[in-house]
Amino acid sequence: MDKKRLSLELLLLSSVFVIATCGLIYELVAGALASYLLGDSVKQFSFIIGVYLFSMGVGSYLAKFIKGSLIDKFIEIEILVGIVGGISSVVLFLLFNTVGHFEWALYFFVFSTGCLVGLEIPLLMNILKDKVQFKDLVSNVFAFDYVGALLASILFPLVLIPNLGIIKTPLFFGLINISIAIFLCFYLKNDLLKPFSLKIKSIGAFVLLFVLFIFSDRILSFSEEKLYGENVVYANNSPYQRIVLTRNNKEFRLYLNNNLQFSSTDEYRYHEALVHPAMSMAKNIDHVLILGGGDGFAVREVLKYKNVKNVTLVDLDGEMTSFFKNNETMRQLNRSSLSDKKVNVINKDAYIWVKENKQKFGVIIIDFPDPSNYSLGKLYSLQFYHELEKITTTDTKIVVQTTSPYFAPKSFWCIEKTTNEVFPFTKAYHTYVPSFGEWGFSMASFEPVNNKIYRKIPNLKFYDYNFSQMSFFSKDMKANSVEINRLDNQILVRYFDEELGESTVEKIFLKQLFWAVSCFLFCSIVARKANLFYLKYQELITFSVTDFGLKTSLNLRKQFVQNI
């Protein structure tokens, strides 16, 4: 009997470990998916974690109302967790471009998963309360729970996303959840009220998720083609971002985390405007540094200058640079620039690399993605430009891509003001790129930026060395009273989010979510107070009702006798 009790305890505690691991994986998948599709990873993860923890609390509260065979209920909830968490990414990818309020679908899955996970641990403790001492029960349950959460947080970024991706990861853990349910159905069949029904449900759920797992790549390709409206010719998850390349009759387009990076029909306008003003005005171009620009297009433009001795390209994502170095179509677009013997490709965080580097450069070209989150915002900060200053000479020319002065004027002039805090002479300029609209740059130096030309490249497709024309801004592309972007405040990320990030729909959704949570908490408090009041005055109420009933009965009897 003791052995059976011990094996049951270990089995159910192992289930807690699996529940915690799978539950956190579903939460991390939802956060990563929200970051891919909606941007601003800090905000999305913050909302996801908050809603998930709140929903676990709701599930724990509702657990006390569950009656009947608790082991049966536990297995049923395990099956539901596997299904809801497992299919979450598949459904959300398919819904993203088809429903108007995608956030509701996202947080519905987060809330449902959290609520179901929250139900399981109180149920488990009720199942084991007569078999294990309370102090051992609580410590064991929470120990297994937290160890499972630790395992999930380590596996997710290092193993799961790079190897399984955002679609297969929840499906895989959904299969694990349901496998536990199937095992419990057979192992505890004598303790279950409806073993046959549970076996059918769990095996059916396993088959469903297994089929989705097998066809997940096709589902993802279908959803992305629907999302982008073009044929997806390459898609991959790196440790840092989702890389998607599409093609239509006219062009290739690259998307990183759902954000357009270039179109092959007009990228030359962007890259010529980014590279050639600085390269033509710099006194010395022997050593050129490019930060970002893992597609190799900026390198392609730099290599048009024959007196360049070496180019150092620093880009965080090794899979990005490898794709543009080895893919034949991309090699044609960037003219095999990343394979040139003058080019040294370094895959490292640019902030750390600049801080550790001692070499000086005559030209520094900064082609980072837009500051849509705090990890990118630090690369536009005052502290970063101070570090950059250490690897410059008095003759160095620096150019930074600074987003759109038309769509994001605060962001644009914030970057300009921040660079000007470190480098005494800066000059903002912009050009029109059909795929993006008006796009801006800022050149910085220790001497006036006066368009003094030291060298020219003939037959450029776009740039004609008329720099002064590009540095004129109309009134609707200017912004006043912007702050400097410091590492401790990251005001630039907030500017960018206001101008290009958070939509009105999202703001409305967050308000509705706030009121829904507030109403739930209010109703819970009222229900609890009413319950406490009833328990406190239960005997008095019962006595009063009984007394009233007896008196009424006696009066009626007396009247009946009198009538007779």
Protein backbone atom coordinates (compact mmCIF):
# COMPACT_ATOMS: atom_id res chain seq x y z
CA MET A 1 0.00 0.00 0.00
CA ASP A 2 2.83 2.41 0.90
CA LYS A 3 4.61 1.63 -2.36
CA LYS A 4 1.45 2.35 -4.32
CA ARG A 5 0.96 5.60 -2.40
CA LEU A 6 4.59 6.59 -3.00
CA SER A 7 4.39 5.84 -6.73
CA LEU A 8 1.16 7.84 -7.04
CA GLU A 9 2.74 10.79 -5.23
CA LEU A 10 5.86 10.73 -7.43
CA LEU A 11 3.77 10.33 -10.55
CA LEU A 12 1.56 13.30 -9.75
CA LEU A 13 4.51 15.46 -8.64
CA SER A 14 6.23 14.61 -11.93
CA SER A 15 3.06 15.83 -13.60
CA VAL A 16 3.53 19.15 -11.76
CA PHE A 17 7.03 19.38 -13.22
CA VAL A 18 5.68 18.80 -16.74
CA ILE A 19 2.77 21.21 -16.17
CA ALA A 20 5.12 23.99 -15.03
CA THR A 21 7.52 23.43 -17.93
CA CYS A 22 4.78 23.30 -20.57
CA GLY A 23 2.85 26.20 -19.04
CA LEU A 24 5.85 28.53 -19.09
CA ILE A 25 6.70 27.43 -22.64
CA TYR A 26 3.19 28.41 -23.77
CA GLU A 27 3.61 31.77 -22.02
CA LEU A 28 7.01 32.40 -23.66
CA VAL A 29 5.67 31.37 -27.08
CA ALA A 30 2.80 33.86 -26.73
CA GLY A 31 5.26 36.61 -25.76
CA ALA A 32 7.60 35.81 -28.65
CA LEU A 33 4.71 35.61 -31.11
CA ALA A 34 3.32 38.94 -29.90
CA SER A 35 6.78 40.48 -30.34
CA TYR A 36 7.08 39.06 -33.88
CA LEU A 37 3.65 40.24 -34.98
CA LEU A 38 3.02 43.37 -32.89
CA GLY A 39 6.54 44.62 -32.09
CA ASP A 40 7.99 46.08 -28.86
CA SER A 41 9.11 42.91 -27.08
CA VAL A 42 9.32 44.55 -23.62
CA LYS A 43 5.71 45.74 -23.69
CA GLN A 44 4.33 42.52 -25.17
CA PHE A 45 6.18 40.26 -22.72
CA SER A 46 5.09 42.49 -19.83
CA PHE A 47 1.41 42.24 -20.82
CA ILE A 48 1.63 38.49 -21.52
CA ILE A 49 3.28 37.72 -18.18
CA GLY A 50 0.78 39.88 -16.30
CA VAL A 51 -2.28 38.32 -17.94
CA TYR A 52 -0.85 34.81 -17.58
CA LEU A 53 -0.16 35.18 -13.84
CA PHE A 54 -3.56 36.79 -13.28
CA SER A 55 -5.30 33.97 -15.14
CA MET A 56 -3.42 31.38 -13.04
CA GLY A 57 -4.85 33.11 -9.98
CA VAL A 58 -8.35 32.91 -11.51
CA GLY A 59 -7.83 29.20 -12.20
CA SER A 60 -6.66 28.59 -8.63
CA TYR A 61 -9.74 30.39 -7.32
CA LEU A 62 -12.12 28.37 -9.53
CA ALA A 63 -10.51 25.07 -8.51
CA LYS A 64 -12.45 25.03 -5.23
CA PHE A 65 -15.74 24.70 -7.14
CA ILE A 66 -14.68 21.48 -8.91
CA LYS A 67 -16.45 18.43 -7.45
CA GLY A 68 -16.57 14.72 -8.22
CA SER A 69 -13.61 12.53 -9.11
CA LEU A 70 -10.66 14.91 -8.87
CA ILE A 71 -8.27 12.57 -10.70
CA ASP A 72 -10.69 12.43 -13.66
CA LYS A 73 -10.92 16.22 -13.65
CA PHE A 74 -7.13 16.53 -13.40
CA ILE A 75 -6.62 14.38 -16.50
CA GLU A 76 -9.32 16.27 -18.43
CA ILE A 77 -7.63 19.59 -17.61
CA GLU A 78 -4.26 18.13 -18.65
CA ILE A 79 -5.80 17.28 -22.04
CA LEU A 80 -7.28 20.77 -22.38
CA VAL A 81 -3.97 22.43 -21.50
CA GLY A 82 -2.25 20.38 -24.20
CA ILE A 83 -4.85 21.27 -26.83
CA VAL A 84 -5.22 24.99 -26.05
CA GLY A 85 -1.51 25.62 -25.52
CA GLY A 86 -0.45 23.36 -28.38
CA ILE A 87 -2.60 24.92 -31.09
CA SER A 88 -2.10 28.52 -29.91
CA SER A 89 0.62 29.49 -32.40
CA VAL A 90 -1.08 27.78 -35.34
CA VAL A 91 -4.40 29.54 -34.70
CA LEU A 92 -2.82 32.94 -33.94
CA PHE A 93 -0.71 32.91 -37.10
CA LEU A 94 -3.81 32.12 -39.17
CA LEU A 95 -5.88 34.79 -37.42
CA PHE A 96 -3.34 37.63 -37.49
CA ASN A 97 -4.25 38.95 -40.91
CA THR A 98 -7.92 37.94 -40.90
CA VAL A 99 -9.46 39.35 -37.69
CA GLY A 100 -9.75 42.99 -36.76
CA HIS A 101 -9.01 42.56 -33.05
CA PHE A 102 -6.10 40.11 -33.06
CA GLU A 103 -5.15 41.09 -29.50
CA TRP A 104 -8.38 39.58 -28.17
CA ALA A 105 -7.51 36.22 -29.73
CA LEU A 106 -3.94 36.41 -28.38
CA TYR A 107 -4.98 37.19 -24.81
CA PHE A 108 -7.82 34.69 -24.95
CA PHE A 109 -5.27 31.92 -25.50
CA VAL A 110 -2.97 33.34 -22.82
CA PHE A 111 -5.84 33.64 -20.31
CA SER A 112 -7.26 30.18 -21.13
CA THR A 113 -3.89 28.48 -20.83
CA GLY A 114 -3.03 30.26 -17.58
CA CYS A 115 -6.45 29.53 -16.11
CA LEU A 116 -6.16 25.80 -16.89
CA VAL A 117 -2.62 25.62 -15.50
CA GLY A 118 -3.85 27.47 -12.40
CA LEU A 119 -6.58 24.85 -11.91
CA GLU A 120 -4.17 21.92 -11.93
CA ILE A 121 -1.98 22.59 -8.89
CA PRO A 122 -4.86 23.13 -6.38
CA LEU A 123 -6.54 20.00 -7.77
CA LEU A 124 -3.33 18.05 -7.35
CA MET A 125 -2.94 19.24 -3.77
CA ASN A 126 -6.53 18.16 -3.00
CA ILE A 127 -5.84 14.73 -4.49
CA LEU A 128 -2.71 14.26 -2.37
CA LYS A 129 -3.82 15.98 0.85
CA ASP A 130 -4.86 12.71 2.54
CA LYS A 131 -1.77 10.85 1.35
CA VAL A 132 1.02 13.33 2.18
CA GLN A 133 1.64 15.58 5.17
CA PHE A 134 0.66 19.17 4.41
CA LYS A 135 4.13 20.69 4.87
CA ASP A 136 5.71 18.06 2.60
CA LEU A 137 2.91 18.41 0.07
CA VAL A 138 3.27 22.18 -0.31
CA SER A 139 7.08 22.18 -0.44
CA ASN A 140 7.21 19.31 -2.95
CA VAL A 141 4.55 20.75 -5.25
CA PHE A 142 6.15 24.20 -5.42
CA ALA A 143 9.69 22.77 -5.70
CA PHE A 144 8.70 20.71 -8.75
CA ASP A 145 6.77 23.69 -10.15
CA TYR A 146 9.69 26.12 -9.94
CA VAL A 147 12.28 23.63 -11.26
CA GLY A 148 10.04 23.02 -14.29
CA ALA A 149 9.78 26.77 -14.88
CA LEU A 150 13.58 27.10 -14.74
CA LEU A 151 14.04 24.31 -17.27
CA ALA A 152 11.54 25.95 -19.65
CA SER A 153 13.20 29.37 -19.43
CA ILE A 154 16.59 27.83 -20.34
CA LEU A 155 15.38 25.55 -23.13
CA PHE A 156 13.17 28.12 -24.87
CA PRO A 157 15.81 30.56 -26.24
CA LEU A 158 18.75 28.14 -26.49
CA VAL A 159 17.17 24.99 -27.94
CA LEU A 160 13.49 25.22 -28.80
CA ILE A 161 13.12 28.39 -30.90
CA PRO A 162 16.34 27.84 -32.95
CA ASN A 163 15.47 24.18 -33.68
CA LEU A 164 11.68 23.84 -33.59
CA GLY A 165 10.53 27.40 -34.26
CA ILE A 166 7.52 29.31 -33.01
CA ILE A 167 4.90 26.91 -34.45
CA LYS A 168 6.33 23.50 -33.59
CA THR A 169 7.46 24.36 -30.05
CA PRO A 170 3.96 24.64 -28.48
CA LEU A 171 2.72 21.66 -30.51
CA PHE A 172 5.63 19.57 -29.20
CA PHE A 173 4.89 20.49 -25.60
CA GLY A 174 1.18 19.98 -26.17
CA LEU A 175 2.03 16.41 -27.17
CA ILE A 176 4.01 16.03 -23.94
CA ASN A 177 1.05 17.31 -21.90
CA ILE A 178 -1.33 14.86 -23.55
CA SER A 179 1.18 11.99 -23.29
CA ILE A 180 1.11 12.48 -19.51
CA ALA A 181 -2.71 12.37 -19.64
CA ILE A 182 -2.65 9.13 -21.69
CA PHE A 183 -0.20 7.53 -19.26
CA LEU A 184 -2.35 8.50 -16.26
CA CYS A 185 -5.45 7.07 -17.99
CA PHE A 186 -3.85 3.64 -18.25
CA TYR A 187 -1.83 3.66 -15.04
CA LEU A 188 -4.69 4.87 -12.81
CA LYS A 189 -7.53 3.15 -14.67
CA ASN A 190 -8.80 1.48 -11.47
CA ASP A 191 -9.05 4.88 -9.73
CA LEU A 192 -10.97 6.59 -12.52
CA LEU A 193 -14.74 6.87 -12.88
CA LYS A 194 -14.67 7.09 -16.70
CA PRO A 195 -11.39 5.53 -17.88
CA PHE A 196 -12.64 4.65 -21.38
CA SER A 197 -13.95 8.15 -22.08
CA LEU A 198 -10.69 9.73 -20.90
CA LYS A 199 -8.62 7.35 -23.05
CA ILE A 200 -10.64 8.30 -26.15
CA LYS A 201 -10.31 12.03 -25.41
CA SER A 202 -6.58 11.91 -24.73
CA ILE A 203 -5.70 9.71 -27.71
CA GLY A 204 -7.89 11.84 -30.01
CA ALA A 205 -6.19 15.01 -28.78
CA PHE A 206 -2.76 13.42 -29.29
CA VAL A 207 -3.62 12.47 -32.89
CA LEU A 208 -4.88 16.02 -33.59
CA LEU A 209 -1.69 17.67 -32.33
CA PHE A 210 0.53 15.10 -34.03
CA VAL A 211 -1.13 15.79 -37.40
CA LEU A 212 -0.72 19.55 -36.87
CA PHE A 213 2.94 19.00 -35.92
CA ILE A 214 3.59 17.04 -39.13
CA PHE A 215 1.96 19.71 -41.30
CA SER A 216 3.12 22.73 -39.27
CA ASP A 217 5.62 23.90 -41.90
CA ARG A 218 2.90 23.96 -44.55
CA ILE A 219 0.55 25.78 -42.18
CA LEU A 220 3.23 28.37 -41.42
CA SER A 221 4.02 28.88 -45.13
CA PHE A 222 0.32 29.28 -45.90
CA SER A 223 -0.21 31.81 -43.08
CA GLU A 224 2.88 33.83 -44.03
CA GLU A 225 1.95 33.92 -47.71
CA LYS A 226 -1.48 35.12 -46.62
CA LEU A 227 0.13 37.68 -44.30
CA TYR A 228 2.61 39.08 -46.82
CA GLY A 229 0.48 38.54 -49.93
CA GLU A 230 3.52 37.11 -51.76
CA ASN A 231 5.29 33.80 -52.25
CA VAL A 232 7.59 32.99 -49.33
CA VAL A 233 10.86 31.71 -50.79
CA TYR A 234 12.83 31.55 -47.53
CA ALA A 235 11.82 31.55 -43.87
CA ASN A 236 13.88 30.80 -40.81
CA ASN A 237 14.00 31.46 -37.08
CA SER A 238 17.37 32.67 -35.87
CA PRO A 239 18.04 33.04 -32.12
CA TYR A 240 17.24 36.75 -32.54
CA GLN A 241 14.51 37.15 -35.13
CA ARG A 242 12.17 35.64 -37.72
CA ILE A 243 13.70 36.02 -41.21
CA VAL A 244 11.28 35.85 -44.16
CA LEU A 245 12.12 36.50 -47.82
CA THR A 246 9.24 36.86 -50.28
CA ARG A 247 9.05 37.17 -54.04
CA ASN A 248 6.52 38.44 -56.55
CA ASN A 249 6.75 39.15 -60.27
CA LYS A 250 8.83 42.31 -59.76
CA GLU A 251 10.88 42.03 -56.59
CA PHE A 252 12.25 40.30 -53.54
CA ARG A 253 11.29 41.62 -50.09
CA LEU A 254 12.97 40.87 -46.79
CA TYR A 255 11.00 40.95 -43.51
CA LEU A 256 12.52 40.72 -40.04
CA ASN A 257 9.94 39.99 -37.33
CA ASN A 258 7.24 41.03 -39.77
CA ASN A 259 8.89 44.41 -40.53
CA LEU A 260 9.95 45.21 -44.11
CA GLN A 261 13.73 45.69 -44.41
CA PHE A 262 14.17 46.15 -48.14
CA SER A 263 12.66 45.73 -51.57
CA SER A 264 15.03 44.69 -54.34
CA THR A 265 13.47 47.24 -56.73
CA ASP A 266 14.44 50.36 -54.76
CA GLU A 267 16.95 49.34 -52.07
CA TYR A 268 19.69 51.05 -54.11
CA ARG A 269 18.15 54.47 -53.32
CA TYR A 270 18.39 53.80 -49.60
CA HIS A 271 21.90 52.34 -49.65
CA GLU A 272 23.38 54.93 -52.01
CA ALA A 273 21.98 57.70 -49.79
CA LEU A 274 23.31 55.93 -46.70
CA VAL A 275 26.85 55.25 -47.95
CA HIS A 276 28.02 57.69 -50.62
CA PRO A 277 27.64 61.07 -48.86
CA ALA A 278 29.97 59.95 -46.05
CA MET A 279 32.35 58.07 -48.36
CA SER A 280 32.68 61.08 -50.67
CA MET A 281 33.28 63.61 -47.86
CA ALA A 282 35.64 61.56 -45.66
CA LYS A 283 39.34 62.38 -45.99
CA ASN A 284 40.44 58.82 -45.31
CA ILE A 285 38.47 55.72 -46.33
CA ASP A 286 41.13 53.05 -45.82
CA HIS A 287 39.28 51.47 -42.91
CA VAL A 288 35.47 51.39 -42.95
CA LEU A 289 33.21 50.11 -40.17
CA ILE A 290 29.60 49.05 -40.84
CA LEU A 291 27.37 48.34 -37.85
CA GLY A 292 24.26 46.35 -38.81
CA GLY A 293 23.63 45.89 -42.52
CA GLY A 294 23.90 42.11 -42.47
CA ASP A 295 22.35 41.94 -45.96
CA GLY A 296 25.65 43.15 -47.47
CA PHE A 297 24.13 45.99 -49.50
CA ALA A 298 25.99 48.76 -47.67
CA VAL A 299 29.19 46.72 -48.07
CA ARG A 300 28.48 46.46 -51.80
CA GLU A 301 28.38 50.26 -52.09
CA VAL A 302 31.55 50.73 -50.01
CA LEU A 303 33.50 48.27 -52.17
CA LYS A 304 32.89 50.48 -55.23
CA TYR A 305 35.73 52.63 -53.86
CA LYS A 306 38.93 50.90 -54.95
CA ASN A 307 41.14 52.60 -52.36
CA VAL A 308 39.22 51.00 -49.45
CA LYS A 309 41.65 48.60 -47.74
CA ASN A 310 39.30 46.76 -45.41
CA VAL A 311 35.67 46.74 -44.30
CA THR A 312 34.56 45.48 -40.88
CA LEU A 313 30.91 44.45 -40.70
CA VAL A 314 29.43 43.86 -37.22
CA ASP A 315 25.99 42.24 -37.19
CA LEU A 316 24.44 40.35 -34.31
CA ASP A 317 22.70 37.63 -36.32
CA GLY A 318 25.03 35.02 -37.82
CA GLU A 319 22.18 33.31 -39.68
CA MET A 320 21.34 36.59 -41.40
CA THR A 321 24.88 37.21 -42.67
CA SER A 322 25.29 33.53 -43.61
CA PHE A 323 22.11 33.60 -45.70
CA PHE A 324 23.19 36.72 -47.60
CA LYS A 325 26.67 35.32 -48.05
CA ASN A 326 25.70 31.87 -49.35
CA ASN A 327 22.29 32.17 -51.04
CA GLU A 328 22.81 32.54 -54.78
CA THR A 329 19.96 35.01 -55.34
CA MET A 330 21.14 37.23 -52.49
CA ARG A 331 24.72 37.02 -53.75
CA GLN A 332 23.53 38.44 -57.04
CA LEU A 333 21.79 41.30 -55.27
CA ASN A 334 24.74 42.22 -53.04
CA ARG A 335 27.35 41.25 -55.66
CA SER A 336 28.93 38.71 -53.30
CA SER A 337 30.10 41.56 -51.11
CA LEU A 338 30.24 39.47 -47.94
CA SER A 339 32.65 37.04 -49.61
CA ASP A 340 35.11 39.75 -50.66
CA LYS A 341 38.60 39.31 -49.18
CA LYS A 342 38.55 42.91 -47.91
CA VAL A 343 35.51 42.21 -45.74
CA ASN A 344 35.64 40.88 -42.19
CA VAL A 345 32.23 39.78 -40.86
CA ILE A 346 31.84 39.71 -37.07
CA ASN A 347 28.67 38.33 -35.47
CA LYS A 348 28.42 40.07 -32.13
CA ASP A 349 26.36 42.64 -30.28
CA ALA A 350 27.45 46.00 -31.73
CA TYR A 351 27.37 47.81 -28.37
CA ILE A 352 29.73 45.27 -26.77
CA TRP A 353 31.98 45.10 -29.83
CA VAL A 354 32.39 48.89 -30.03
CA LYS A 355 33.15 49.02 -26.31
CA GLU A 356 35.88 46.39 -26.62
CA ASN A 357 37.38 47.48 -29.94
CA LYS A 358 40.53 49.67 -30.13
CA GLN A 359 40.89 50.16 -33.91
CA LYS A 360 40.12 53.60 -35.41
CA PHE A 361 38.05 54.03 -38.58
CA GLY A 362 37.84 56.77 -41.19
CA VAL A 363 34.15 56.07 -42.00
CA ILE A 364 31.52 54.52 -39.74
CA ILE A 365 28.18 53.53 -41.29
CA ILE A 366 25.38 52.61 -38.86
CA ASP A 367 22.49 50.69 -40.39
CA PHE A 368 20.60 49.33 -37.40
CA PRO A 369 16.89 48.41 -37.50
CA ASP A 370 14.45 51.03 -36.24
CA PRO A 371 14.37 51.56 -32.45
CA SER A 372 11.18 49.58 -31.91
CA ASN A 373 12.32 48.03 -28.61
CA TYR A 374 14.78 48.68 -25.81
CA SER A 375 17.46 46.27 -27.04
CA LEU A 376 17.63 48.34 -30.26
CA GLY A 377 17.09 51.66 -28.50
CA LYS A 378 20.39 51.28 -26.63
CA LEU A 379 22.19 51.39 -30.00
CA TYR A 380 20.88 54.93 -30.51
CA SER A 381 21.70 56.11 -26.98
CA LEU A 382 24.03 58.83 -25.78
CA GLN A 383 26.20 56.25 -24.03
CA PHE A 384 26.63 54.27 -27.26
CA TYR A 385 27.76 57.36 -29.16
CA HIS A 386 30.28 58.10 -26.39
CA GLU A 387 31.70 54.60 -26.88
CA LEU A 388 31.69 55.16 -30.65
CA GLU A 389 33.65 58.37 -30.19
CA LYS A 390 36.61 56.34 -28.86
CA ILE A 391 37.12 54.57 -32.21
CA THR A 392 37.02 57.73 -34.35
CA THR A 393 39.65 60.20 -35.48
CA THR A 394 39.25 63.95 -35.96
CA ASP A 395 38.57 63.26 -39.66
CA THR A 396 36.06 60.41 -39.24
CA LYS A 397 32.66 60.71 -40.91
CA ILE A 398 29.77 58.87 -39.25
CA VAL A 399 26.37 58.25 -40.81
CA VAL A 400 23.32 56.83 -39.01
CA GLN A 401 19.98 55.69 -40.45
CA THR A 402 17.45 57.66 -38.41
CA THR A 403 13.97 56.39 -39.42
CA SER A 404 11.41 58.48 -41.32
CA PRO A 405 11.28 62.25 -40.73
CA TYR A 406 7.74 62.27 -42.12
CA PHE A 407 6.15 59.33 -40.27
CA ALA A 408 8.29 59.56 -37.11
CA PRO A 409 9.63 63.14 -36.80
CA LYS A 410 10.14 62.97 -33.02
CA SER A 411 12.19 59.79 -33.36
CA PHE A 412 14.17 61.25 -36.24
CA TRP A 413 15.13 64.50 -34.48
CA CYS A 414 15.72 62.69 -31.19
CA ILE A 415 18.48 60.65 -32.86
CA GLU A 416 19.86 63.78 -34.51
CA LYS A 417 19.94 65.64 -31.18
CA THR A 418 21.55 62.69 -29.38
CA THR A 419 24.38 62.35 -31.90
CA ASN A 420 24.94 66.10 -31.79
CA GLU A 421 25.48 65.86 -28.04
CA VAL A 422 28.68 63.86 -28.69
CA PHE A 423 29.80 65.00 -32.14
CA PRO A 424 29.95 68.80 -32.54
CA PHE A 425 28.88 68.87 -36.19
CA THR A 426 25.85 66.94 -37.47
CA LYS A 427 23.75 67.22 -40.61
CA ALA A 428 20.37 65.57 -41.11
CA TYR A 429 19.24 64.60 -44.61
CA HIS A 430 16.59 62.43 -46.23
CA THR A 431 15.48 60.85 -49.47
CA TYR A 432 12.42 59.14 -50.91
CA VAL A 433 12.37 55.35 -51.05
CA PRO A 434 9.12 54.08 -52.64
CA SER A 435 8.87 51.03 -50.35
CA PHE A 436 9.23 53.13 -47.20
CA GLY A 437 8.35 56.70 -48.13
CA GLU A 438 10.57 59.54 -46.92
CA TRP A 439 13.56 58.10 -45.07
CA GLY A 440 16.21 59.92 -43.10
CA PHE A 441 19.87 59.83 -42.10
CA SER A 442 22.24 61.89 -40.00
CA MET A 443 25.91 62.56 -40.67
CA ALA A 444 28.20 63.39 -37.73
CA SER A 445 31.76 64.61 -37.60
CA PHE A 446 34.32 66.65 -35.63
CA GLU A 447 34.48 69.17 -38.46
CA PRO A 448 31.72 70.95 -40.42
CA VAL A 449 29.68 68.82 -42.81
CA ASN A 450 29.97 71.11 -45.84
CA ASN A 451 29.73 68.70 -48.77
CA LYS A 452 33.40 69.02 -49.67
CA ILE A 453 33.85 66.15 -52.15
CA TYR A 454 37.11 64.17 -52.10
CA ARG A 455 36.08 61.40 -54.49
CA LYS A 456 33.16 60.34 -56.71
CA ILE A 457 31.88 57.08 -58.13
CA PRO A 458 30.56 57.38 -61.71
CA ASN A 459 27.28 55.88 -62.89
CA LEU A 460 25.46 55.63 -59.60
CA LYS A 461 21.78 54.87 -60.16
CA PHE A 462 20.48 57.52 -57.74
CA TYR A 463 22.90 59.70 -55.73
CA ASP A 464 24.20 62.70 -57.69
CA TYR A 465 26.34 64.27 -54.90
CA ASN A 466 23.85 67.13 -54.48
CA PHE A 467 23.88 66.74 -50.71
CA SER A 468 22.43 70.18 -49.92
CA GLN A 469 19.22 69.29 -51.75
CA MET A 470 18.76 66.21 -49.51
CA SER A 471 19.28 68.24 -46.33
CA PHE A 472 16.22 70.48 -46.84
CA PHE A 473 13.21 69.64 -44.63
CA SER A 474 9.66 70.92 -45.04
CA LYS A 475 7.63 72.02 -42.00
CA ASP A 476 5.76 68.70 -41.70
CA MET A 477 9.04 66.83 -41.20
CA LYS A 478 10.23 68.83 -38.20
CA ALA A 479 9.71 68.32 -34.47
CA ASN A 480 10.45 70.60 -31.56
CA SER A 481 11.26 69.90 -27.90
CA VAL A 482 12.61 66.38 -28.20
CA GLU A 483 14.77 64.86 -25.49
CA ILE A 484 18.15 63.16 -25.72
CA ASN A 485 17.97 59.37 -25.80
CA ARG A 486 19.82 58.12 -22.74
CA LEU A 487 20.38 54.52 -21.77
CA ASP A 488 18.44 54.90 -18.53
CA ASN A 489 15.32 56.49 -20.03
CA GLN A 490 15.15 55.21 -23.65
CA ILE A 491 12.85 58.06 -24.63
CA LEU A 492 13.48 57.26 -28.30
CA VAL A 493 11.67 53.91 -28.00
CA ARG A 494 8.63 55.68 -26.54
CA TYR A 495 8.69 58.29 -29.32
CA PHE A 496 8.89 55.55 -31.95
CA ASP A 497 6.10 53.56 -30.31
CA GLU A 498 3.83 56.63 -30.24
CA GLU A 499 4.49 57.43 -33.90
CA LEU A 500 4.77 54.04 -35.57
CA GLY A 501 4.12 51.39 -32.94
CA GLU A 502 0.99 51.21 -30.82
CA SER A 503 -2.27 51.53 -32.74
CA THR A 504 -5.55 53.02 -31.56
CA VAL A 505 -7.05 49.53 -31.64
CA GLU A 506 -4.42 48.29 -29.20
CA LYS A 507 -5.07 51.19 -26.83
CA ILE A 508 -8.82 50.45 -26.90
CA PHE A 509 -8.11 46.77 -26.28
CA LEU A 510 -5.91 47.52 -23.26
CA LYS A 511 -8.62 49.76 -21.78
CA GLN A 512 -11.22 47.02 -22.26
CA LEU A 513 -8.89 44.45 -20.73
CA PHE A 514 -8.30 46.71 -17.72
CA TRP A 515 -12.03 47.14 -17.11
CA ALA A 516 -12.69 43.42 -17.56
CA VAL A 517 -10.03 42.55 -14.97
CA SER A 518 -11.34 45.24 -12.62
CA CYS A 519 -14.91 43.91 -12.90
CA PHE A 520 -13.74 40.37 -12.22
CA LEU A 521 -11.82 41.44 -9.11
CA PHE A 522 -14.80 43.47 -7.85
CA CYS A 523 -17.22 40.57 -8.36
CA SER A 524 -14.77 38.17 -6.65
CA ILE A 525 -14.49 40.47 -3.61
CA VAL A 526 -18.29 40.90 -3.38
CA ALA A 527 -18.82 37.13 -3.67
CA ARG A 528 -16.22 36.43 -0.99
CA LYS A 529 -17.73 39.03 1.39
CA ALA A 530 -21.21 37.59 0.83
CA ASN A 531 -19.94 34.09 1.52
CA LEU A 532 -18.20 35.19 4.74
CA PHE A 533 -21.34 37.04 5.85
CA TYR A 534 -23.46 33.96 5.22
CA LEU A 535 -21.08 31.68 7.14
CA LYS A 536 -20.89 34.12 10.05
CA TYR A 537 -24.67 34.51 10.42
CA GLN A 538 -25.71 31.08 9.14
CA GLU A 539 -26.97 29.76 12.50
CA LEU A 540 -28.85 32.98 13.28
CA ILE A 541 -30.48 33.04 9.83
CA THR A 542 -31.39 29.36 10.06
CA PHE A 543 -32.85 29.81 13.56
CA SER A 544 -34.82 32.90 12.51
CA VAL A 545 -36.28 31.17 9.46
CA THR A 546 -37.14 28.06 11.50
CA ASP A 547 -38.72 30.12 14.30
CA PHE A 548 -40.71 32.12 11.76
CA GLY A 549 -41.90 28.87 10.17
CA LEU A 550 -43.01 27.35 13.47
CA LYS A 551 -44.94 30.49 14.49
CA THR A 552 -46.64 30.66 11.11
CA SER A 553 -47.55 27.00 11.30
CA LEU A 554 -49.07 27.37 14.82
CA ASN A 555 -51.12 30.41 13.80
CA LEU A 556 -52.53 28.63 10.76
CA ARG A 557 -53.39 25.59 12.86
CA LYS A 558 -55.14 27.78 15.47
CA GLN A 559 -57.22 29.52 12.77
CA PHE A 560 -58.17 26.16 11.27
CA VAL A 561 -59.42 24.84 14.65
CA GLN A 562 -61.44 28.01 15.28
CA ASN A 563 -63.11 27.73 11.87
CA ILE A 564 -64.13 24.17 12.61
